[in-house]
């Protein structure tokens, strides 16, 4: 659940998104969130891209589960 919260926060809070770019572990710790190495690597790759990265992160916040996810 923390990954979804982080993705949402990045897409809605520019200060948090900026902090994630400079100190992701610190930004997460301030909110009491912990991510796996894989989740953190995924987010790091997405947020360090240019505007395309922001569009990808924002699109992830709108993903709806399909029947196969249940």
PDB file of N, CA and C in Angstrom:
ATOM      1  N   UNK A   1       0.814  -1.192   0.000  1.00  0.00           N
ATOM      2  CA  UNK A   1       0.000   0.000   0.000  1.00  0.00           C
ATOM      3  C   UNK A   1       0.858   1.256   0.000  1.00  0.00           C
ATOM      4  N   UNK A   2       2.025   1.210   0.603  1.00  0.00           N
ATOM      5  CA  UNK A   2       2.868   2.397   0.678  1.00  0.00           C
ATOM      6  C   UNK A   2       3.259   2.898  -0.707  1.00  0.00           C
ATOM      7  N   UNK A   3       3.507   1.999  -1.651  1.00  0.00           N
ATOM      8  CA  UNK A   3       3.900   2.420  -2.992  1.00  0.00           C
ATOM      9  C   UNK A   3       2.802   3.274  -3.622  1.00  0.00           C
ATOM     10  N   UNK A   4       1.572   2.857  -3.500  1.00  0.00           N
ATOM     11  CA  UNK A   4       0.452   3.632  -4.048  1.00  0.00           C
ATOM     12  C   UNK A   4       0.369   5.005  -3.384  1.00  0.00           C
ATOM     13  N   UNK A   5       0.598   5.064  -2.085  1.00  0.00           N
ATOM     14  CA  UNK A   5       0.576   6.336  -1.375  1.00  0.00           C
ATOM     15  C   UNK A   5       1.691   7.253  -1.861  1.00  0.00           C
ATOM     16  N   UNK A   6       2.865   6.694  -2.072  1.00  0.00           N
ATOM     17  CA  UNK A   6       4.008   7.477  -2.539  1.00  0.00           C
ATOM     18  C   UNK A   6       3.751   8.006  -3.943  1.00  0.00           C
ATOM     19  N   UNK A   7       3.258   7.152  -4.832  1.00  0.00           N
ATOM     20  CA  UNK A   7       2.958   7.573  -6.203  1.00  0.00           C
ATOM     21  C   UNK A   7       1.930   8.696  -6.185  1.00  0.00           C
ATOM     22  N   UNK A   8       0.892   8.548  -5.388  1.00  0.00           N
ATOM     23  CA  UNK A   8      -0.119   9.598  -5.285  1.00  0.00           C
ATOM     24  C   UNK A   8       0.492  10.895  -4.762  1.00  0.00           C
ATOM     25  N   UNK A   9       1.291  10.791  -3.728  1.00  0.00           N
ATOM     26  CA  UNK A   9       1.889  11.984  -3.127  1.00  0.00           C
ATOM     27  C   UNK A   9       2.820  12.687  -4.110  1.00  0.00           C
ATOM     28  N   UNK A  10       3.592  11.922  -4.881  1.00  0.00           N
ATOM     29  CA  UNK A  10       4.476  12.513  -5.883  1.00  0.00           C
ATOM     30  C   UNK A  10       3.664  13.269  -6.924  1.00  0.00           C
ATOM     31  N   UNK A  11       2.535  12.712  -7.306  1.00  0.00           N
ATOM     32  CA  UNK A  11       1.735  13.322  -8.370  1.00  0.00           C
ATOM     33  C   UNK A  11       0.933  14.533  -7.902  1.00  0.00           C
ATOM     34  N   UNK A  12       0.762  14.701  -6.598  1.00  0.00           N
ATOM     35  CA  UNK A  12      -0.058  15.799  -6.099  1.00  0.00           C
ATOM     36  C   UNK A  12       0.701  16.826  -5.266  1.00  0.00           C
ATOM     37  N   UNK A  13       1.896  16.505  -4.827  1.00  0.00           N
ATOM     38  CA  UNK A  13       2.651  17.383  -3.928  1.00  0.00           C
ATOM     39  C   UNK A  13       4.027  17.661  -4.527  1.00  0.00           C
ATOM     40  N   UNK A  14       4.204  18.849  -5.104  1.00  0.00           N
ATOM     41  CA  UNK A  14       5.468  19.167  -5.779  1.00  0.00           C
ATOM     42  C   UNK A  14       6.642  19.232  -4.805  1.00  0.00           C
ATOM     43  N   UNK A  15       6.411  19.647  -3.576  1.00  0.00           N
ATOM     44  CA  UNK A  15       7.491  19.679  -2.589  1.00  0.00           C
ATOM     45  C   UNK A  15       7.975  18.269  -2.271  1.00  0.00           C
ATOM     46  N   UNK A  16       7.027  17.360  -2.092  1.00  0.00           N
ATOM     47  CA  UNK A  16       7.392  15.968  -1.823  1.00  0.00           C
ATOM     48  C   UNK A  16       8.109  15.363  -3.025  1.00  0.00           C
ATOM     49  N   UNK A  17       7.615  15.639  -4.230  1.00  0.00           N
ATOM     50  CA  UNK A  17       8.257  15.121  -5.444  1.00  0.00           C
ATOM     51  C   UNK A  17       9.688  15.623  -5.556  1.00  0.00           C
ATOM     52  N   UNK A  18       9.896  16.892  -5.247  1.00  0.00           N
ATOM     53  CA  UNK A  18      11.238  17.462  -5.277  1.00  0.00           C
ATOM     54  C   UNK A  18      12.137  16.802  -4.243  1.00  0.00           C
ATOM     55  N   UNK A  19      11.605  16.590  -3.067  1.00  0.00           N
ATOM     56  CA  UNK A  19      12.376  15.935  -1.989  1.00  0.00           C
ATOM     57  C   UNK A  19      12.716  14.503  -2.377  1.00  0.00           C
ATOM     58  N   UNK A  20      11.808  13.840  -3.056  1.00  0.00           N
ATOM     59  CA  UNK A  20      12.086  12.467  -3.514  1.00  0.00           C
ATOM     60  C   UNK A  20      13.251  12.450  -4.500  1.00  0.00           C
ATOM     61  N   UNK A  21      13.400  13.511  -5.291  1.00  0.00           N
ATOM     62  CA  UNK A  21      14.508  13.574  -6.249  1.00  0.00           C
ATOM     63  C   UNK A  21      15.847  13.761  -5.545  1.00  0.00           C
ATOM     64  N   UNK A  22      15.857  14.490  -4.440  1.00  0.00           N
ATOM     65  CA  UNK A  22      17.115  14.800  -3.768  1.00  0.00           C
ATOM     66  C   UNK A  22      17.454  13.825  -2.643  1.00  0.00           C
ATOM     67  N   UNK A  23      16.456  13.338  -1.935  1.00  0.00           N
ATOM     68  CA  UNK A  23      16.697  12.426  -0.811  1.00  0.00           C
ATOM     69  C   UNK A  23      15.491  11.509  -0.631  1.00  0.00           C
ATOM     70  N   UNK A  24      15.363  10.509  -1.504  1.00  0.00           N
ATOM     71  CA  UNK A  24      14.161   9.662  -1.441  1.00  0.00           C
ATOM     72  C   UNK A  24      13.978   8.952  -0.105  1.00  0.00           C
ATOM     73  N   UNK A  25      15.038   8.416   0.455  1.00  0.00           N
ATOM     74  CA  UNK A  25      14.889   7.694   1.718  1.00  0.00           C
ATOM     75  C   UNK A  25      14.475   8.629   2.851  1.00  0.00           C
ATOM     76  N   UNK A  26      15.023   9.849   2.853  1.00  0.00           N
ATOM     77  CA  UNK A  26      14.639  10.837   3.864  1.00  0.00           C
ATOM     78  C   UNK A  26      13.192  11.274   3.706  1.00  0.00           C
ATOM     79  N   UNK A  27      12.785  11.501   2.464  1.00  0.00           N
ATOM     80  CA  UNK A  27      11.404  11.916   2.202  1.00  0.00           C
ATOM     81  C   UNK A  27      10.418  10.845   2.651  1.00  0.00           C
ATOM     82  N   UNK A  28      10.748   9.602   2.384  1.00  0.00           N
ATOM     83  CA  UNK A  28       9.875   8.502   2.795  1.00  0.00           C
ATOM     84  C   UNK A  28       9.840   8.369   4.318  1.00  0.00           C
ATOM     85  N   UNK A  29      11.015   8.468   4.933  1.00  0.00           N
ATOM     86  CA  UNK A  29      11.096   8.315   6.392  1.00  0.00           C
ATOM     87  C   UNK A  29      10.293   9.394   7.113  1.00  0.00           C
ATOM     88  N   UNK A  30      10.282  10.612   6.566  1.00  0.00           N
ATOM     89  CA  UNK A  30       9.518  11.693   7.188  1.00  0.00           C
ATOM     90  C   UNK A  30       8.033  11.369   7.284  1.00  0.00           C
ATOM     91  N   UNK A  31       7.557  10.556   6.367  1.00  0.00           N
ATOM     92  CA  UNK A  31       6.130  10.195   6.362  1.00  0.00           C
ATOM     93  C   UNK A  31       5.880   8.806   6.946  1.00  0.00           C
ATOM     94  N   UNK A  32       6.938   8.167   7.398  1.00  0.00           N
ATOM     95  CA  UNK A  32       6.804   6.850   8.002  1.00  0.00           C
ATOM     96  C   UNK A  32       6.595   5.735   6.998  1.00  0.00           C
ATOM     97  N   UNK A  33       7.006   5.961   5.744  1.00  0.00           N
ATOM     98  CA  UNK A  33       6.845   4.959   4.701  1.00  0.00           C
ATOM     99  C   UNK A  33       8.157   4.243   4.451  1.00  0.00           C
ATOM    100  N   UNK A  34       8.062   2.970   4.145  1.00  0.00           N
ATOM    101  CA  UNK A  34       9.227   2.167   3.773  1.00  0.00           C
ATOM    102  C   UNK A  34       8.879   1.439   2.486  1.00  0.00           C
ATOM    103  N   UNK A  35       9.827   1.414   1.569  1.00  0.00           N
ATOM    104  CA  UNK A  35       9.649   0.696   0.314  1.00  0.00           C
ATOM    105  C   UNK A  35      10.750  -0.331   0.162  1.00  0.00           C
ATOM    106  N   UNK A  36      10.447  -1.369  -0.592  1.00  0.00           N
ATOM    107  CA  UNK A  36      11.467  -2.371  -0.884  1.00  0.00           C
ATOM    108  C   UNK A  36      12.505  -1.754  -1.820  1.00  0.00           C
ATOM    109  N   UNK A  37      13.627  -2.408  -1.969  1.00  0.00           N
ATOM    110  CA  UNK A  37      14.660  -1.929  -2.888  1.00  0.00           C
ATOM    111  C   UNK A  37      14.122  -1.841  -4.312  1.00  0.00           C
ATOM    112  N   UNK A  38      13.311  -2.808  -4.692  1.00  0.00           N
ATOM    113  CA  UNK A  38      12.735  -2.826  -6.038  1.00  0.00           C
ATOM    114  C   UNK A  38      11.768  -1.663  -6.254  1.00  0.00           C
ATOM    115  N   UNK A  39      10.918  -1.409  -5.260  1.00  0.00           N
ATOM    116  CA  UNK A  39       9.975  -0.296  -5.369  1.00  0.00           C
ATOM    117  C   UNK A  39      10.712   1.038  -5.436  1.00  0.00           C
ATOM    118  N   UNK A  40      11.726   1.187  -4.598  1.00  0.00           N
ATOM    119  CA  UNK A  40      12.496   2.417  -4.590  1.00  0.00           C
ATOM    120  C   UNK A  40      13.237   2.608  -5.913  1.00  0.00           C
ATOM    121  N   UNK A  41      13.789   1.542  -6.467  1.00  0.00           N
ATOM    122  CA  UNK A  41      14.484   1.622  -7.761  1.00  0.00           C
ATOM    123  C   UNK A  41      13.509   2.025  -8.866  1.00  0.00           C
ATOM    124  N   UNK A  42      12.306   1.469  -8.838  1.00  0.00           N
ATOM    125  CA  UNK A  42      11.287   1.826  -9.823  1.00  0.00           C
ATOM    126  C   UNK A  42      10.947   3.313  -9.733  1.00  0.00           C
ATOM    127  N   UNK A  43      10.687   3.787  -8.526  1.00  0.00           N
ATOM    128  CA  UNK A  43      10.347   5.194  -8.355  1.00  0.00           C
ATOM    129  C   UNK A  43      11.508   6.100  -8.740  1.00  0.00           C
ATOM    130  N   UNK A  44      12.713   5.722  -8.352  1.00  0.00           N
ATOM    131  CA  UNK A  44      13.886   6.533  -8.666  1.00  0.00           C
ATOM    132  C   UNK A  44      14.040   6.692 -10.173  1.00  0.00           C
ATOM    133  N   UNK A  45      13.863   5.605 -10.897  1.00  0.00           N
ATOM    134  CA  UNK A  45      13.969   5.654 -12.356  1.00  0.00           C
ATOM    135  C   UNK A  45      12.903   6.569 -12.942  1.00  0.00           C
ATOM    136  N   UNK A  46      11.701   6.490 -12.432  1.00  0.00           N
ATOM    137  CA  UNK A  46      10.594   7.288 -12.964  1.00  0.00           C
ATOM    138  C   UNK A  46      10.736   8.774 -12.628  1.00  0.00           C
ATOM    139  N   UNK A  47      11.102   9.103 -11.397  1.00  0.00           N
ATOM    140  CA  UNK A  47      11.126  10.517 -11.014  1.00  0.00           C
ATOM    141  C   UNK A  47      12.368  11.248 -11.493  1.00  0.00           C
ATOM    142  N   UNK A  48      13.399  10.521 -11.883  1.00  0.00           N
ATOM    143  CA  UNK A  48      14.595  11.199 -12.364  1.00  0.00           C
ATOM    144  C   UNK A  48      14.542  11.479 -13.858  1.00  0.00           C
ATOM    145  N   UNK A  49      13.531  11.017 -14.519  1.00  0.00           N
ATOM    146  CA  UNK A  49      13.349  11.343 -15.929  1.00  0.00           C
ATOM    147  C   UNK A  49      12.821  12.762 -16.064  1.00  0.00           C
ATOM    148  N   UNK A  50      12.793  13.251 -17.265  1.00  0.00           N
ATOM    149  CA  UNK A  50      12.261  14.589 -17.523  1.00  0.00           C
ATOM    150  C   UNK A  50      10.743  14.559 -17.417  1.00  0.00           C
ATOM    151  N   UNK A  51      10.074  15.410 -18.089  1.00  0.00           N
ATOM    152  CA  UNK A  51       8.611  15.499 -18.013  1.00  0.00           C
ATOM    153  C   UNK A  51       7.953  14.170 -18.333  1.00  0.00           C
ATOM    154  N   UNK A  52       8.567  13.371 -19.178  1.00  0.00           N
ATOM    155  CA  UNK A  52       8.002  12.063 -19.510  1.00  0.00           C
ATOM    156  C   UNK A  52       7.878  11.207 -18.259  1.00  0.00           C
ATOM    157  N   UNK A  53       8.852  11.264 -17.383  1.00  0.00           N
ATOM    158  CA  UNK A  53       8.798  10.506 -16.135  1.00  0.00           C
ATOM    159  C   UNK A  53       7.634  10.912 -15.269  1.00  0.00           C
ATOM    160  N   UNK A  54       7.379  12.221 -15.189  1.00  0.00           N
ATOM    161  CA  UNK A  54       6.238  12.688 -14.391  1.00  0.00           C
ATOM    162  C   UNK A  54       4.934  12.186 -14.981  1.00  0.00           C
ATOM    163  N   UNK A  55       4.818  12.196 -16.305  1.00  0.00           N
ATOM    164  CA  UNK A  55       3.606  11.684 -16.940  1.00  0.00           C
ATOM    165  C   UNK A  55       3.412  10.205 -16.628  1.00  0.00           C
ATOM    166  N   UNK A  56       4.496   9.435 -16.618  1.00  0.00           N
ATOM    167  CA  UNK A  56       4.384   8.002 -16.312  1.00  0.00           C
ATOM    168  C   UNK A  56       3.933   7.790 -14.882  1.00  0.00           C
ATOM    169  N   UNK A  57       4.520   8.509 -13.954  1.00  0.00           N
ATOM    170  CA  UNK A  57       4.141   8.383 -12.546  1.00  0.00           C
ATOM    171  C   UNK A  57       2.675   8.761 -12.358  1.00  0.00           C
ATOM    172  N   UNK A  58       2.248   9.847 -12.988  1.00  0.00           N
ATOM    173  CA  UNK A  58       0.857  10.277 -12.839  1.00  0.00           C
ATOM    174  C   UNK A  58      -0.091   9.262 -13.451  1.00  0.00           C
ATOM    175  N   UNK A  59       0.302   8.626 -14.551  1.00  0.00           N
ATOM    176  CA  UNK A  59      -0.570   7.621 -15.147  1.00  0.00           C
ATOM    177  C   UNK A  59      -0.693   6.410 -14.239  1.00  0.00           C
ATOM    178  N   UNK A  60       0.335   6.102 -13.466  1.00  0.00           N
ATOM    179  CA  UNK A  60       0.267   4.978 -12.535  1.00  0.00           C
ATOM    180  C   UNK A  60      -0.775   5.223 -11.453  1.00  0.00           C
ATOM    181  N   UNK A  61      -0.968   6.462 -11.080  1.00  0.00           N
ATOM    182  CA  UNK A  61      -1.952   6.789 -10.050  1.00  0.00           C
ATOM    183  C   UNK A  61      -3.372   6.541 -10.550  1.00  0.00           C
ATOM    184  N   UNK A  62      -3.541   6.462 -11.876  1.00  0.00           N
ATOM    185  CA  UNK A  62      -4.875   6.270 -12.443  1.00  0.00           C
ATOM    186  C   UNK A  62      -5.132   4.824 -12.871  1.00  0.00           C
ATOM    187  N   UNK A  63      -4.178   3.933 -12.654  1.00  0.00           N
ATOM    188  CA  UNK A  63      -4.335   2.538 -13.075  1.00  0.00           C
ATOM    189  C   UNK A  63      -5.437   1.889 -12.257  1.00  0.00           C
ATOM    190  N   UNK A  64      -6.313   1.194 -12.945  1.00  0.00           N
ATOM    191  CA  UNK A  64      -7.394   0.462 -12.263  1.00  0.00           C
ATOM    192  C   UNK A  64      -7.124  -1.031 -12.422  1.00  0.00           C
ATOM    193  N   UNK A  65      -7.335  -1.799 -11.374  1.00  0.00           N
ATOM    194  CA  UNK A  65      -7.101  -3.240 -11.466  1.00  0.00           C
ATOM    195  C   UNK A  65      -8.036  -3.915 -12.458  1.00  0.00           C
ATOM    196  N   UNK A  66      -7.549  -4.951 -13.083  1.00  0.00           N
ATOM    197  CA  UNK A  66      -8.382  -5.730 -13.983  1.00  0.00           C
ATOM    198  C   UNK A  66      -8.893  -6.947 -13.250  1.00  0.00           C
ATOM    199  N   UNK A  67      -9.741  -7.687 -13.890  1.00  0.00           N
ATOM    200  CA  UNK A  67     -10.321  -8.871 -13.232  1.00  0.00           C
ATOM    201  C   UNK A  67      -9.244  -9.851 -12.787  1.00  0.00           C
ATOM    202  N   UNK A  68      -8.168  -9.958 -13.541  1.00  0.00           N
ATOM    203  CA  UNK A  68      -7.113 -10.910 -13.210  1.00  0.00           C
ATOM    204  C   UNK A  68      -6.360 -10.592 -11.926  1.00  0.00           C
ATOM    205  N   UNK A  69      -6.520  -9.397 -11.388  1.00  0.00           N
ATOM    206  CA  UNK A  69      -5.812  -9.017 -10.171  1.00  0.00           C
ATOM    207  C   UNK A  69      -6.510  -9.485  -8.899  1.00  0.00           C
ATOM    208  N   UNK A  70      -7.712  -9.950  -9.019  1.00  0.00           N
ATOM    209  CA  UNK A  70      -8.467 -10.337  -7.823  1.00  0.00           C
ATOM    210  C   UNK A  70      -8.259 -11.756  -7.463  1.00  0.00           C
TER     211      UNK A  70
END
